[in-house]
Every structure is written in C-alpha cells, then in structure tokens.
C-alpha atoms as a PDB file:
ATOM      1  CA  UNK A   1     -62.536 -77.381 -17.492  1.00  0.00           C
ATOM      2  CA  UNK A   2     -61.328 -78.879 -20.730  1.00  0.00           C
ATOM      3  CA  UNK A   3     -58.275 -77.454 -22.290  1.00  0.00           C
ATOM      4  CA  UNK A   4     -60.482 -74.931 -24.394  1.00  0.00           C
ATOM      5  CA  UNK A   5     -62.342 -73.839 -21.155  1.00  0.00           C
ATOM      6  CA  UNK A   6     -59.398 -72.797 -19.557  1.00  0.00           C
ATOM      7  CA  UNK A   7     -58.032 -71.168 -22.263  1.00  0.00           C
ATOM      8  CA  UNK A   8     -61.261 -69.197 -22.550  1.00  0.00           C
ATOM      9  CA  UNK A   9     -61.424 -68.038 -19.057  1.00  0.00           C
ATOM     10  CA  UNK A  10     -57.953 -67.702 -18.688  1.00  0.00           C
ATOM     11  CA  UNK A  11     -58.201 -65.010 -21.937  1.00  0.00           C
ATOM     12  CA  UNK A  12     -60.981 -63.361 -20.665  1.00  0.00           C
ATOM     13  CA  UNK A  13     -59.737 -63.313 -16.973  1.00  0.00           C
ATOM     14  CA  UNK A  14     -56.606 -61.316 -18.810  1.00  0.00           C
ATOM     15  CA  UNK A  15     -58.567 -58.956 -20.548  1.00  0.00           C
ATOM     16  CA  UNK A  16     -60.311 -57.645 -17.560  1.00  0.00           C
ATOM     17  CA  UNK A  17     -57.021 -57.316 -15.465  1.00  0.00           C
ATOM     18  CA  UNK A  18     -55.496 -55.860 -18.361  1.00  0.00           C
ATOM     19  CA  UNK A  19     -58.109 -53.006 -18.180  1.00  0.00           C
ATOM     20  CA  UNK A  20     -56.960 -52.241 -14.377  1.00  0.00           C
ATOM     21  CA  UNK A  21     -53.544 -51.883 -15.692  1.00  0.00           C
ATOM     22  CA  UNK A  22     -54.535 -49.905 -18.524  1.00  0.00           C
ATOM     23  CA  UNK A  23     -55.455 -47.089 -16.109  1.00  0.00           C
ATOM     24  CA  UNK A  24     -51.679 -46.212 -15.621  1.00  0.00           C
ATOM     25  CA  UNK A  25     -51.652 -45.060 -19.043  1.00  0.00           C
ATOM     26  CA  UNK A  26     -54.699 -43.251 -19.222  1.00  0.00           C
ATOM     27  CA  UNK A  27     -56.467 -42.264 -16.165  1.00  0.00           C
ATOM     28  CA  UNK A  28     -56.136 -38.448 -15.440  1.00  0.00           C
ATOM     29  CA  UNK A  29     -55.226 -39.316 -11.951  1.00  0.00           C
ATOM     30  CA  UNK A  30     -51.794 -41.400 -13.224  1.00  0.00           C
ATOM     31  CA  UNK A  31     -50.688 -38.164 -15.530  1.00  0.00           C
ATOM     32  CA  UNK A  32     -51.200 -36.040 -12.622  1.00  0.00           C
ATOM     33  CA  UNK A  33     -49.129 -38.185 -10.426  1.00  0.00           C
ATOM     34  CA  UNK A  34     -46.670 -38.566 -12.497  1.00  0.00           C
ATOM     35  CA  UNK A  35     -47.060 -34.332 -13.683  1.00  0.00           C
ATOM     36  CA  UNK A  36     -45.868 -34.002 -10.008  1.00  0.00           C
ATOM     37  CA  UNK A  37     -42.600 -35.220 -10.472  1.00  0.00           C
ATOM     38  CA  UNK A  38     -42.221 -32.740 -13.066  1.00  0.00           C
ATOM     39  CA  UNK A  39     -42.676 -34.858 -16.332  1.00  0.00           C
ATOM     40  CA  UNK A  40     -44.717 -32.631 -18.602  1.00  0.00           C
ATOM     41  CA  UNK A  41     -44.423 -34.825 -21.524  1.00  0.00           C
ATOM     42  CA  UNK A  42     -46.638 -37.898 -22.140  1.00  0.00           C
ATOM     43  CA  UNK A  43     -44.310 -40.018 -23.998  1.00  0.00           C
ATOM     44  CA  UNK A  44     -41.455 -39.170 -21.328  1.00  0.00           C
ATOM     45  CA  UNK A  45     -44.556 -40.232 -18.377  1.00  0.00           C
ATOM     46  CA  UNK A  46     -45.244 -43.396 -20.731  1.00  0.00           C
ATOM     47  CA  UNK A  47     -41.703 -44.718 -21.180  1.00  0.00           C
ATOM     48  CA  UNK A  48     -40.766 -43.253 -17.616  1.00  0.00           C
ATOM     49  CA  UNK A  49     -43.015 -44.970 -16.051  1.00  0.00           C
ATOM     50  CA  UNK A  50     -43.195 -48.511 -17.804  1.00  0.00           C
ATOM     51  CA  UNK A  51     -39.733 -49.062 -18.259  1.00  0.00           C
ATOM     52  CA  UNK A  52     -38.637 -47.586 -14.736  1.00  0.00           C
ATOM     53  CA  UNK A  53     -38.931 -51.437 -13.074  1.00  0.00           C
ATOM     54  CA  UNK A  54     -35.759 -52.135 -15.561  1.00  0.00           C
ATOM     55  CA  UNK A  55     -33.971 -49.285 -13.979  1.00  0.00           C
ATOM     56  CA  UNK A  56     -31.859 -46.538 -15.282  1.00  0.00           C
ATOM     57  CA  UNK A  57     -31.474 -47.609 -18.628  1.00  0.00           C
ATOM     58  CA  UNK A  58     -30.516 -46.584 -21.847  1.00  0.00           C
ATOM     59  CA  UNK A  59     -32.518 -45.764 -24.919  1.00  0.00           C
ATOM     60  CA  UNK A  60     -31.025 -48.916 -26.679  1.00  0.00           C
ATOM     61  CA  UNK A  61     -32.479 -51.106 -24.050  1.00  0.00           C
ATOM     62  CA  UNK A  62     -36.019 -49.595 -23.824  1.00  0.00           C
ATOM     63  CA  UNK A  63     -36.188 -49.697 -27.803  1.00  0.00           C
ATOM     64  CA  UNK A  64     -35.305 -53.866 -27.897  1.00  0.00           C
ATOM     65  CA  UNK A  65     -37.555 -54.854 -25.007  1.00  0.00           C
ATOM     66  CA  UNK A  66     -40.551 -52.652 -25.849  1.00  0.00           C
ATOM     67  CA  UNK A  67     -39.653 -53.536 -29.452  1.00  0.00           C
ATOM     68  CA  UNK A  68     -42.553 -51.672 -31.348  1.00  0.00           C
ATOM     69  CA  UNK A  69     -41.389 -48.412 -31.200  1.00  0.00           C
ATOM     70  CA  UNK A  70     -38.937 -46.582 -33.308  1.00  0.00           C
ATOM     71  CA  UNK A  71     -35.180 -46.166 -31.696  1.00  0.00           C
ATOM     72  CA  UNK A  72     -35.691 -42.522 -31.798  1.00  0.00           C
ATOM     73  CA  UNK A  73     -38.848 -42.165 -30.238  1.00  0.00           C
ATOM     74  CA  UNK A  74     -37.590 -43.702 -27.425  1.00  0.00           C
ATOM     75  CA  UNK A  75     -34.492 -41.513 -27.103  1.00  0.00           C
ATOM     76  CA  UNK A  76     -36.481 -38.420 -26.946  1.00  0.00           C
ATOM     77  CA  UNK A  77     -37.401 -39.654 -23.385  1.00  0.00           C
ATOM     78  CA  UNK A  78     -34.907 -42.116 -22.182  1.00  0.00           C
ATOM     79  CA  UNK A  79     -32.507 -41.422 -20.576  1.00  0.00           C
ATOM     80  CA  UNK A  80     -33.186 -37.558 -19.985  1.00  0.00           C
ATOM     81  CA  UNK A  81     -36.067 -38.618 -18.053  1.00  0.00           C
ATOM     82  CA  UNK A  82     -33.969 -39.868 -15.297  1.00  0.00           C
ATOM     83  CA  UNK A  83     -32.621 -36.485 -14.685  1.00  0.00           C
ATOM     84  CA  UNK A  84     -36.163 -35.513 -13.836  1.00  0.00           C
ATOM     85  CA  UNK A  85     -37.060 -38.284 -11.618  1.00  0.00           C
ATOM     86  CA  UNK A  86     -35.345 -41.599 -10.868  1.00  0.00           C
ATOM     87  CA  UNK A  87     -36.839 -45.177 -11.781  1.00  0.00           C
ATOM     88  CA  UNK A  88     -38.061 -45.590  -7.886  1.00  0.00           C
ATOM     89  CA  UNK A  89     -39.773 -42.459  -8.052  1.00  0.00           C
ATOM     90  CA  UNK A  90     -41.862 -43.313 -11.373  1.00  0.00           C
ATOM     91  CA  UNK A  91     -42.402 -46.837  -9.344  1.00  0.00           C
ATOM     92  CA  UNK A  92     -44.096 -45.185  -6.298  1.00  0.00           C
ATOM     93  CA  UNK A  93     -45.670 -42.254  -8.664  1.00  0.00           C
ATOM     94  CA  UNK A  94     -47.781 -45.343 -10.786  1.00  0.00           C
ATOM     95  CA  UNK A  95     -48.765 -46.748  -7.840  1.00  0.00           C
ATOM     96  CA  UNK A  96     -50.319 -43.414  -6.382  1.00  0.00           C
ATOM     97  CA  UNK A  97     -51.892 -42.404  -9.233  1.00  0.00           C
ATOM     98  CA  UNK A  98     -53.629 -46.121 -10.051  1.00  0.00           C
ATOM     99  CA  UNK A  99     -54.886 -45.843  -6.219  1.00  0.00           C
ATOM    100  CA  UNK A 100     -56.323 -41.927  -7.076  1.00  0.00           C
ATOM    101  CA  UNK A 101     -57.289 -43.569 -10.269  1.00  0.00           C
ATOM    102  CA  UNK A 102     -59.286 -46.559  -8.392  1.00  0.00           C
ATOM    103  CA  UNK A 103     -60.861 -44.156  -5.620  1.00  0.00           C
ATOM    104  CA  UNK A 104     -62.365 -42.230  -8.247  1.00  0.00           C
ATOM    105  CA  UNK A 105     -64.162 -44.821 -10.085  1.00  0.00           C
ATOM    106  CA  UNK A 106     -65.135 -47.104  -7.718  1.00  0.00           C
ATOM    107  CA  UNK A 107     -66.699 -44.409  -5.726  1.00  0.00           C
ATOM    108  CA  UNK A 108     -68.932 -43.317  -8.508  1.00  0.00           C
ATOM    109  CA  UNK A 109     -69.735 -46.985  -9.402  1.00  0.00           C
ATOM    110  CA  UNK A 110     -72.714 -49.254  -8.142  1.00  0.00           C
ATOM    111  CA  UNK A 111     -70.805 -52.256  -9.325  1.00  0.00           C
ATOM    112  CA  UNK A 112     -67.091 -51.308  -6.842  1.00  0.00           C
ATOM    113  CA  UNK A 113     -66.034 -54.744  -5.245  1.00  0.00           C
ATOM    114  CA  UNK A 114     -65.783 -54.395  -1.458  1.00  0.00           C
ATOM    115  CA  UNK A 115     -62.130 -54.974   0.105  1.00  0.00           C
ATOM    116  CA  UNK A 116     -62.615 -58.875   0.518  1.00  0.00           C
ATOM    117  CA  UNK A 117     -63.165 -59.180  -3.030  1.00  0.00           C
ATOM    118  CA  UNK A 118     -60.477 -57.263  -3.944  1.00  0.00           C
ATOM    119  CA  UNK A 119     -58.119 -59.113  -1.182  1.00  0.00           C
ATOM    120  CA  UNK A 120     -59.267 -62.598  -2.446  1.00  0.00           C
ATOM    121  CA  UNK A 121     -59.015 -61.483  -6.308  1.00  0.00           C
ATOM    122  CA  UNK A 122     -55.483 -60.270  -5.354  1.00  0.00           C
ATOM    123  CA  UNK A 123     -54.605 -63.927  -3.762  1.00  0.00           C
ATOM    124  CA  UNK A 124     -55.820 -65.623  -6.932  1.00  0.00           C
ATOM    125  CA  UNK A 125     -54.150 -63.495  -9.491  1.00  0.00           C
ATOM    126  CA  UNK A 126     -50.894 -63.171  -7.366  1.00  0.00           C
ATOM    127  CA  UNK A 127     -50.612 -67.039  -7.620  1.00  0.00           C
ATOM    128  CA  UNK A 128     -50.675 -66.778 -11.404  1.00  0.00           C
ATOM    129  CA  UNK A 129     -48.538 -63.535 -11.902  1.00  0.00           C
ATOM    130  CA  UNK A 130     -46.074 -65.466 -10.182  1.00  0.00           C
ATOM    131  CA  UNK A 131     -46.022 -68.541 -11.763  1.00  0.00           C
ATOM    132  CA  UNK A 132     -43.720 -67.338 -15.024  1.00  0.00           C
ATOM    133  CA  UNK A 133     -40.482 -67.915 -16.211  1.00  0.00           C
ATOM    134  CA  UNK A 134     -38.213 -64.970 -16.451  1.00  0.00           C
ATOM    135  CA  UNK A 135     -36.151 -66.689 -19.303  1.00  0.00           C
ATOM    136  CA  UNK A 136     -36.730 -64.256 -22.466  1.00  0.00           C
ATOM    137  CA  UNK A 137     -39.146 -62.017 -20.207  1.00  0.00           C
ATOM    138  CA  UNK A 138     -37.280 -59.205 -19.509  1.00  0.00           C
ATOM    139  CA  UNK A 139     -40.384 -56.599 -18.395  1.00  0.00           C
ATOM    140  CA  UNK A 140     -41.664 -59.314 -16.528  1.00  0.00           C
ATOM    141  CA  UNK A 141     -38.775 -59.921 -14.771  1.00  0.00           C
ATOM    142  CA  UNK A 142     -37.969 -56.710 -13.986  1.00  0.00           C
ATOM    143  CA  UNK A 143     -41.516 -56.526 -12.459  1.00  0.00           C
ATOM    144  CA  UNK A 144     -41.030 -59.503 -10.090  1.00  0.00           C
ATOM    145  CA  UNK A 145     -38.535 -57.361  -7.987  1.00  0.00           C
ATOM    146  CA  UNK A 146     -41.259 -54.251  -7.766  1.00  0.00           C
ATOM    147  CA  UNK A 147     -42.861 -53.890  -4.150  1.00  0.00           C
ATOM    148  CA  UNK A 148     -46.379 -53.124  -4.791  1.00  0.00           C
ATOM    149  CA  UNK A 149     -47.947 -50.849  -1.534  1.00  0.00           C
ATOM    150  CA  UNK A 150     -49.230 -52.662   1.300  1.00  0.00           C
ATOM    151  CA  UNK A 151     -52.800 -52.718   0.290  1.00  0.00           C
ATOM    152  CA  UNK A 152     -55.189 -55.080  -1.713  1.00  0.00           C
ATOM    153  CA  UNK A 153     -55.714 -52.582  -4.734  1.00  0.00           C
ATOM    154  CA  UNK A 154     -52.041 -52.069  -5.282  1.00  0.00           C
ATOM    155  CA  UNK A 155     -51.298 -56.088  -4.856  1.00  0.00           C
ATOM    156  CA  UNK A 156     -53.961 -56.414  -7.612  1.00  0.00           C
ATOM    157  CA  UNK A 157     -53.035 -53.934 -10.370  1.00  0.00           C
ATOM    158  CA  UNK A 158     -49.224 -55.282  -9.462  1.00  0.00           C
ATOM    159  CA  UNK A 159     -50.615 -58.863 -10.529  1.00  0.00           C
ATOM    160  CA  UNK A 160     -52.073 -57.577 -13.299  1.00  0.00           C
ATOM    161  CA  UNK A 161     -49.251 -55.880 -14.393  1.00  0.00           C
ATOM    162  CA  UNK A 162     -47.130 -58.931 -14.075  1.00  0.00           C
ATOM    163  CA  UNK A 163     -49.607 -60.718 -16.123  1.00  0.00           C
ATOM    164  CA  UNK A 164     -49.857 -58.258 -18.748  1.00  0.00           C
ATOM    165  CA  UNK A 165     -45.965 -57.772 -19.147  1.00  0.00           C
ATOM    166  CA  UNK A 166     -45.339 -61.601 -19.265  1.00  0.00           C
ATOM    167  CA  UNK A 167     -47.875 -61.826 -22.332  1.00  0.00           C
ATOM    168  CA  UNK A 168     -46.204 -58.945 -24.067  1.00  0.00           C
ATOM    169  CA  UNK A 169     -42.830 -60.448 -23.534  1.00  0.00           C
ATOM    170  CA  UNK A 170     -44.078 -63.717 -25.319  1.00  0.00           C
ATOM    171  CA  UNK A 171     -45.863 -62.020 -27.888  1.00  0.00           C
ATOM    172  CA  UNK A 172     -42.449 -59.967 -28.765  1.00  0.00           C
ATOM    173  CA  UNK A 173     -40.299 -63.009 -28.416  1.00  0.00           C
ATOM    174  CA  UNK A 174     -42.767 -64.893 -31.085  1.00  0.00           C
ATOM    175  CA  UNK A 175     -42.800 -61.714 -33.259  1.00  0.00           C
ATOM    176  CA  UNK A 176     -38.950 -62.219 -33.705  1.00  0.00           C
ATOM    177  CA  UNK A 177     -38.828 -65.793 -33.758  1.00  0.00           C
ATOM    178  CA  UNK A 178     -41.434 -65.242 -36.964  1.00  0.00           C
ATOM    179  CA  UNK A 179     -39.005 -62.278 -38.335  1.00  0.00           C
ATOM    180  CA  UNK A 180     -41.429 -59.676 -37.769  1.00  0.00           C
ATOM    181  CA  UNK A 181     -40.351 -56.414 -37.063  1.00  0.00           C
ATOM    182  CA  UNK A 182     -41.558 -53.788 -34.489  1.00  0.00           C
ATOM    183  CA  UNK A 183     -42.781 -51.503 -37.469  1.00  0.00           C
ATOM    184  CA  UNK A 184     -44.128 -54.786 -39.419  1.00  0.00           C
ATOM    185  CA  UNK A 185     -46.072 -55.993 -36.632  1.00  0.00           C
ATOM    186  CA  UNK A 186     -47.796 -52.515 -36.613  1.00  0.00           C
ATOM    187  CA  UNK A 187     -48.193 -52.660 -40.587  1.00  0.00           C
ATOM    188  CA  UNK A 188     -50.382 -56.097 -40.077  1.00  0.00           C
ATOM    189  CA  UNK A 189     -52.272 -54.431 -36.922  1.00  0.00           C
ATOM    190  CA  UNK A 190     -53.284 -51.925 -39.775  1.00  0.00           C
ATOM    191  CA  UNK A 191     -53.912 -54.335 -42.073  1.00  0.00           C
ATOM    192  CA  UNK A 192     -56.594 -56.411 -40.096  1.00  0.00           C
ATOM    193  CA  UNK A 193     -58.496 -53.341 -38.952  1.00  0.00           C
ATOM    194  CA  UNK A 194     -57.426 -52.726 -35.495  1.00  0.00           C
ATOM    195  CA  UNK A 195     -55.297 -49.596 -35.715  1.00  0.00           C
ATOM    196  CA  UNK A 196     -55.010 -46.627 -38.181  1.00  0.00           C
ATOM    197  CA  UNK A 197     -51.741 -46.189 -39.644  1.00  0.00           C
ATOM    198  CA  UNK A 198     -51.762 -42.416 -38.967  1.00  0.00           C
ATOM    199  CA  UNK A 199     -52.239 -42.827 -35.398  1.00  0.00           C
ATOM    200  CA  UNK A 200     -49.615 -45.833 -35.443  1.00  0.00           C
ATOM    201  CA  UNK A 201     -46.757 -44.437 -37.265  1.00  0.00           C
ATOM    202  CA  UNK A 202     -47.484 -40.771 -34.988  1.00  0.00           C
ATOM    203  CA  UNK A 203     -47.452 -42.914 -31.681  1.00  0.00           C
ATOM    204  CA  UNK A 204     -44.660 -45.538 -32.617  1.00  0.00           C
ATOM    205  CA  UNK A 205     -42.415 -43.287 -34.904  1.00  0.00           C
ATOM    206  CA  UNK A 206     -42.195 -44.843 -37.841  1.00  0.00           C
ATOM    207  CA  UNK A 207     -41.559 -42.638 -41.122  1.00  0.00           C
ATOM    208  CA  UNK A 208     -43.391 -43.851 -44.110  1.00  0.00           C
ATOM    209  CA  UNK A 209     -40.179 -44.686 -45.976  1.00  0.00           C
ATOM    210  CA  UNK A 210     -39.831 -47.254 -43.119  1.00  0.00           C
ATOM    211  CA  UNK A 211     -43.504 -48.170 -43.352  1.00  0.00           C
ATOM    212  CA  UNK A 212     -43.247 -48.733 -47.206  1.00  0.00           C
ATOM    213  CA  UNK A 213     -39.799 -51.126 -46.285  1.00  0.00           C
ATOM    214  CA  UNK A 214     -41.817 -52.599 -43.820  1.00  0.00           C
ATOM    215  CA  UNK A 215     -44.802 -53.456 -46.231  1.00  0.00           C
ATOM    216  CA  UNK A 216     -42.255 -54.485 -49.149  1.00  0.00           C
ATOM    217  CA  UNK A 217     -41.059 -57.433 -46.846  1.00  0.00           C
ATOM    218  CA  UNK A 218     -44.637 -58.736 -46.131  1.00  0.00           C
ATOM    219  CA  UNK A 219     -45.882 -58.149 -49.812  1.00  0.00           C
ATOM    220  CA  UNK A 220     -43.043 -60.287 -50.660  1.00  0.00           C
ATOM    221  CA  UNK A 221     -43.792 -62.703 -47.790  1.00  0.00           C
ATOM    222  CA  UNK A 222     -47.824 -62.948 -49.211  1.00  0.00           C
ATOM    223  CA  UNK A 223     -48.903 -61.687 -45.674  1.00  0.00           C
ATOM    224  CA  UNK A 224     -50.495 -58.443 -47.350  1.00  0.00           C
ATOM    225  CA  UNK A 225     -51.417 -57.135 -50.648  1.00  0.00           C
ATOM    226  CA  UNK A 226     -49.974 -54.654 -52.831  1.00  0.00           C
ATOM    227  CA  UNK A 227     -52.534 -52.057 -51.351  1.00  0.00           C
ATOM    228  CA  UNK A 228     -51.518 -53.253 -47.600  1.00  0.00           C
ATOM    229  CA  UNK A 229     -54.652 -55.282 -47.212  1.00  0.00           C
ATOM    230  CA  UNK A 230     -54.212 -58.393 -45.186  1.00  0.00           C
ATOM    231  CA  UNK A 231     -54.250 -61.734 -47.186  1.00  0.00           C
ATOM    232  CA  UNK A 232     -55.960 -64.911 -46.157  1.00  0.00           C
ATOM    233  CA  UNK A 233     -52.279 -66.152 -45.908  1.00  0.00           C
ATOM    234  CA  UNK A 234     -51.758 -63.351 -43.640  1.00  0.00           C
ATOM    235  CA  UNK A 235     -55.057 -63.282 -41.573  1.00  0.00           C
ATOM    236  CA  UNK A 236     -53.908 -66.878 -41.123  1.00  0.00           C
ATOM    237  CA  UNK A 237     -50.449 -65.987 -39.888  1.00  0.00           C
ATOM    238  CA  UNK A 238     -51.734 -63.452 -37.801  1.00  0.00           C
ATOM    239  CA  UNK A 239     -54.182 -65.462 -35.722  1.00  0.00           C
ATOM    240  CA  UNK A 240     -51.731 -68.555 -35.305  1.00  0.00           C
ATOM    241  CA  UNK A 241     -49.478 -65.783 -33.773  1.00  0.00           C
ATOM    242  CA  UNK A 242     -51.961 -63.937 -31.442  1.00  0.00           C
ATOM    243  CA  UNK A 243     -53.355 -68.044 -30.443  1.00  0.00           C
ATOM    244  CA  UNK A 244     -49.865 -68.994 -29.631  1.00  0.00           C
ATOM    245  CA  UNK A 245     -49.122 -65.780 -27.572  1.00  0.00           C
ATOM    246  CA  UNK A 246     -52.591 -66.755 -25.696  1.00  0.00           C
ATOM    247  CA  UNK A 247     -51.550 -70.364 -25.160  1.00  0.00           C
ATOM    248  CA  UNK A 248     -48.313 -69.140 -23.508  1.00  0.00           C
ATOM    249  CA  UNK A 249     -49.762 -66.386 -21.305  1.00  0.00           C
ATOM    250  CA  UNK A 250     -52.471 -69.122 -20.208  1.00  0.00           C
ATOM    251  CA  UNK A 251     -49.634 -71.153 -18.446  1.00  0.00           C
ATOM    252  CA  UNK A 252     -49.410 -68.899 -15.756  1.00  0.00           C
ATOM    253  CA  UNK A 253     -53.231 -70.004 -14.713  1.00  0.00           C
ATOM    254  CA  UNK A 254     -51.452 -73.187 -14.195  1.00  0.00           C
ATOM    255  CA  UNK A 255     -50.921 -72.372 -11.018  1.00  0.00           C
ATOM    256  CA  UNK A 256     -54.248 -71.919 -10.100  1.00  0.00           C
ATOM    257  CA  UNK A 257     -57.443 -74.245  -9.778  1.00  0.00           C
ATOM    258  CA  UNK A 258     -59.873 -74.475 -12.178  1.00  0.00           C
ATOM    259  CA  UNK A 259     -62.685 -73.086  -9.334  1.00  0.00           C
ATOM    260  CA  UNK A 260     -59.940 -70.628  -8.537  1.00  0.00           C
ATOM    261  CA  UNK A 261     -59.390 -69.451 -12.048  1.00  0.00           C
ATOM    262  CA  UNK A 262     -63.450 -69.478 -12.038  1.00  0.00           C
ATOM    263  CA  UNK A 263     -63.874 -67.584  -9.303  1.00  0.00           C
ATOM    264  CA  UNK A 264     -60.871 -64.746 -10.341  1.00  0.00           C
ATOM    265  CA  UNK A 265     -62.617 -64.184 -13.441  1.00  0.00           C
ATOM    266  CA  UNK A 266     -65.805 -63.478 -11.396  1.00  0.00           C
ATOM    267  CA  UNK A 267     -64.315 -61.440  -9.046  1.00  0.00           C
ATOM    268  CA  UNK A 268     -62.726 -59.264 -11.447  1.00  0.00           C
ATOM    269  CA  UNK A 269     -65.666 -58.803 -14.223  1.00  0.00           C
ATOM    270  CA  UNK A 270     -67.432 -55.899 -12.193  1.00  0.00           C
ATOM    271  CA  UNK A 271     -64.016 -54.265 -11.642  1.00  0.00           C
ATOM    272  CA  UNK A 272     -63.324 -53.850 -15.719  1.00  0.00           C
ATOM    273  CA  UNK A 273     -67.338 -52.818 -16.094  1.00  0.00           C
ATOM    274  CA  UNK A 274     -67.041 -50.507 -13.430  1.00  0.00           C
ATOM    275  CA  UNK A 275     -63.537 -48.738 -15.312  1.00  0.00           C
ATOM    276  CA  UNK A 276     -65.547 -49.156 -19.084  1.00  0.00           C
ATOM    277  CA  UNK A 277     -68.621 -47.404 -17.569  1.00  0.00           C
ATOM    278  CA  UNK A 278     -66.391 -44.456 -16.170  1.00  0.00           C
ATOM    279  CA  UNK A 279     -65.012 -43.465 -19.670  1.00  0.00           C
ATOM    280  CA  UNK A 280     -61.515 -43.583 -18.195  1.00  0.00           C
ATOM    281  CA  UNK A 281     -59.933 -45.265 -21.052  1.00  0.00           C
ATOM    282  CA  UNK A 282     -59.818 -44.959 -24.539  1.00  0.00           C
ATOM    283  CA  UNK A 283     -62.312 -47.139 -27.083  1.00  0.00           C
ATOM    284  CA  UNK A 284     -60.341 -49.197 -28.500  1.00  0.00           C
ATOM    285  CA  UNK A 285     -60.527 -53.582 -29.632  1.00  0.00           C
ATOM    286  CA  UNK A 286     -58.227 -55.801 -28.440  1.00  0.00           C
ATOM    287  CA  UNK A 287     -56.634 -57.927 -31.253  1.00  0.00           C
ATOM    288  CA  UNK A 288     -57.728 -60.875 -29.548  1.00  0.00           C
ATOM    289  CA  UNK A 289     -61.040 -60.128 -30.001  1.00  0.00           C
ATOM    290  CA  UNK A 290     -60.832 -60.025 -33.718  1.00  0.00           C
ATOM    291  CA  UNK A 291     -58.323 -62.876 -34.036  1.00  0.00           C
ATOM    292  CA  UNK A 292     -59.066 -65.781 -31.915  1.00  0.00           C
ATOM    293  CA  UNK A 293     -60.620 -68.430 -33.797  1.00  0.00           C
ATOM    294  CA  UNK A 294     -63.796 -69.651 -32.925  1.00  0.00           C
END
C-alpha cells in the first residue's frame, strides 16, 4: 500500500473497531451492568465507566482529560460516583456489559464471526493498540494498565478502546495547540452540521452565555460567521484538524504490515455491520466522513 492507501485502510479499520467500543455507551446490556453496581444516572455511568482506568480521580482531572465537557457536568458525577462503585468495579462491569451485548448481537446475526476470526482480529489490533506513545495521552496511558477478561471478544474490545482513546487524546492535543476550547470544539461541530446545538449544549453542559462567548471568539478568528455558520476558512481549518488527527492515529498501525492491516480491516467489517444491523447504536455521522479530503 502507498501512504494514502494505508491511511484510508487505517481510518476504515478504526471506524469499524470504534463501533465495537461504542457499545459500552449505548447497548442496553452495558447500561444494565452499571446499574447492577447501583449507578442509575446515565451520566454517572458514562463518567464513571470511561474515567475508571484513571483511578479515583477528582472532577478537575476528568474535565481536563475528557476536554469537551463543562466542569459542572463532570462534578455532578465525579467524585461522588466512587462512593457507589470503585474504579475497579466499573472496569469489570464495562467488560461484562460489553460481553453480554456482543452475545445478543452476534447470536442474532448471520454475520457473526467464529472464535478464530475474533482471536486473529484481536492479535492484530493488539499490536497496533500497544504501539502508541503515552506522552500527552492520559486516557490511552490509563487504559494500557487495564487487564481485559480472558476471552477473545474482551481482548478485541480492549484493543479497540486503546485505539479509540489514543485518537481522542491526539485530537484533544491538537484542539489545545490551536486554542480551541471544549465548548468551541462543539460550536464548530454544530457549524459543520455534525451536531445539533441543543443536543450538544445539553450533553456537554454549556450555558447559552458560554456558547455565545465561545462563538464570538471563533467569529473574531474568521472560523464562523455572525450567523454561527462555518466559513470557508473554518471548514478548511476543521478539515485540516481532522486530517492531522487521523494521521497521528494512523501511526499506531505502523506496527502492522500492509497484509495485516488489510486482514484486520476485512475481519472487522462484518462485526461493524452486525452491530449496525442490531440498532444498538444511535444514528450519527462521524466527523471524518464529513471532513476527510478526497
């Protein structure tokens, strides 16, 4: 493969693995697994489940590492959630919920892979997932210390999570370098049509005043116009940001050969299709589909 072919293959493989990781946020079995710990609130489950590899952290750390949430939203769940369940219990519940979701989806799908396929996909994905530099990648580094359950699905899910969090850390680093705060990142997402403003503000916790303050700064930089629509300069900026994120993420796959990368892409494609057909994930458009240049 040439450079562009490898990037395209790495990006498609990441997206396929991302669908497996995303089950932990949306599948009913994953919600049930956290509820069994006594965690009823949906955002407490999210923050507790995703932050658990960091340990018993305070809200300021989670706000900084997750980057795109208002601190008040984080503080509503962290650290009080640790009084209900420990980080280790959250980690274990995350795996058990994912395994239950996998069993339901694959038992109902003609696309279900056999165990040998899952084992092989996990082996290749693990090589890529462990190839990252931990410097400046706190969520990736924290998840490196997590031990998956002793089964192929759990190991594949863990590799998918590592790749996902590595990409997220890369993206947040680029946002910070380019002086795009968490609220502004979502203003740009809304401006390019990847989110609805009402949903973004509700889920991330930003007030109207914070949204307008962030918008005014982006207007001054020429990235959005007075109507909060993306400008040509803003679209070019956002596209470049996404491309640079993907290039950094793709370095993980330098640990695998062209043949292995192509094999992993082929092995995980039916898994993504089975998950999509199960309707376990909400419909959404990934920003790379909107912004990756031709």
